[in-house]
Amino acid sequence: MEFVVADDEAWLTVFGVVPRAEETSDETWVREVQVPVSATEELHVSWDVVERSVRVR
């Protein structure tokens, strides 16, 4: 199975945010976006291309 992640431009166009290195990880290839959903809450989506995993918080 192929693990496909949208490029940075697609994240910016759809959600208004650019992926960056995940704050809680020491690995630079673990990327994350934080999308505001209200004045006090955010949706966090992170992915690890090497390990082919996704986490949504």
Protein backbone atom coordinates (compact mmCIF):
# COMPACT_ATOMS: atom_id res chain seq x y z
CA MET A 1 0.00 0.00 0.00
CA GLU A 2 1.29 3.46 -0.90
CA PHE A 3 1.56 6.15 1.81
CA VAL A 4 0.75 9.49 0.20
CA VAL A 5 0.81 12.86 1.96
CA ALA A 6 -0.31 16.13 0.37
CA ASP A 7 2.39 18.68 -0.34
CA ASP A 8 2.75 21.82 1.81
CA GLU A 9 0.89 23.98 -0.72
CA ALA A 10 -2.20 21.76 -0.53
CA TRP A 11 -2.31 22.03 3.28
CA LEU A 12 -1.94 25.80 3.02
CA THR A 13 -4.69 26.10 0.40
CA VAL A 14 -7.22 23.90 2.22
CA PHE A 15 -6.53 24.63 5.90
CA GLY A 16 -4.47 27.83 5.88
CA VAL A 17 -1.51 26.19 7.66
CA VAL A 18 1.85 24.84 6.55
CA PRO A 19 3.20 21.54 7.92
CA ARG A 20 6.27 21.75 10.12
CA ALA A 21 8.39 19.40 12.21
CA GLU A 22 6.29 17.98 15.05
CA GLU A 23 7.01 19.75 18.34
CA THR A 24 6.84 16.59 20.46
CA SER A 25 9.21 14.56 18.29
CA ASP A 26 12.96 14.77 17.85
CA GLU A 27 12.64 13.42 14.31
CA THR A 28 12.62 16.05 11.57
CA TRP A 29 10.68 13.82 9.16
CA VAL A 30 7.67 13.69 11.52
CA ARG A 31 5.48 16.51 10.24
CA GLU A 32 2.46 18.16 11.83
CA VAL A 33 -0.28 20.67 11.13
CA GLN A 34 -2.36 22.40 13.77
CA VAL A 35 -5.72 23.58 12.47
CA PRO A 36 -7.77 25.93 14.68
CA VAL A 37 -11.36 24.68 15.09
CA SER A 38 -12.50 27.23 17.68
CA ALA A 39 -11.07 30.07 19.75
CA THR A 40 -9.58 27.57 22.23
CA GLU A 41 -9.23 24.26 20.36
CA GLU A 42 -7.00 22.89 17.60
CA LEU A 43 -6.99 19.77 15.49
CA HIS A 44 -3.49 18.25 15.38
CA VAL A 45 -2.60 15.94 12.49
CA SER A 46 0.89 14.47 12.40
CA TRP A 47 2.48 11.90 10.13
CA ASP A 48 5.70 9.97 9.89
CA VAL A 49 6.59 9.18 6.29
CA VAL A 50 9.40 6.79 7.30
CA GLU A 51 7.18 4.67 9.57
CA ARG A 52 4.05 5.28 7.44
CA SER A 53 1.85 6.36 10.32
CA VAL A 54 -0.67 9.12 11.00
CA ARG A 55 -1.92 10.50 14.30
CA VAL A 56 -4.96 12.78 14.78
CA ARG A 57 -5.50 14.56 18.07
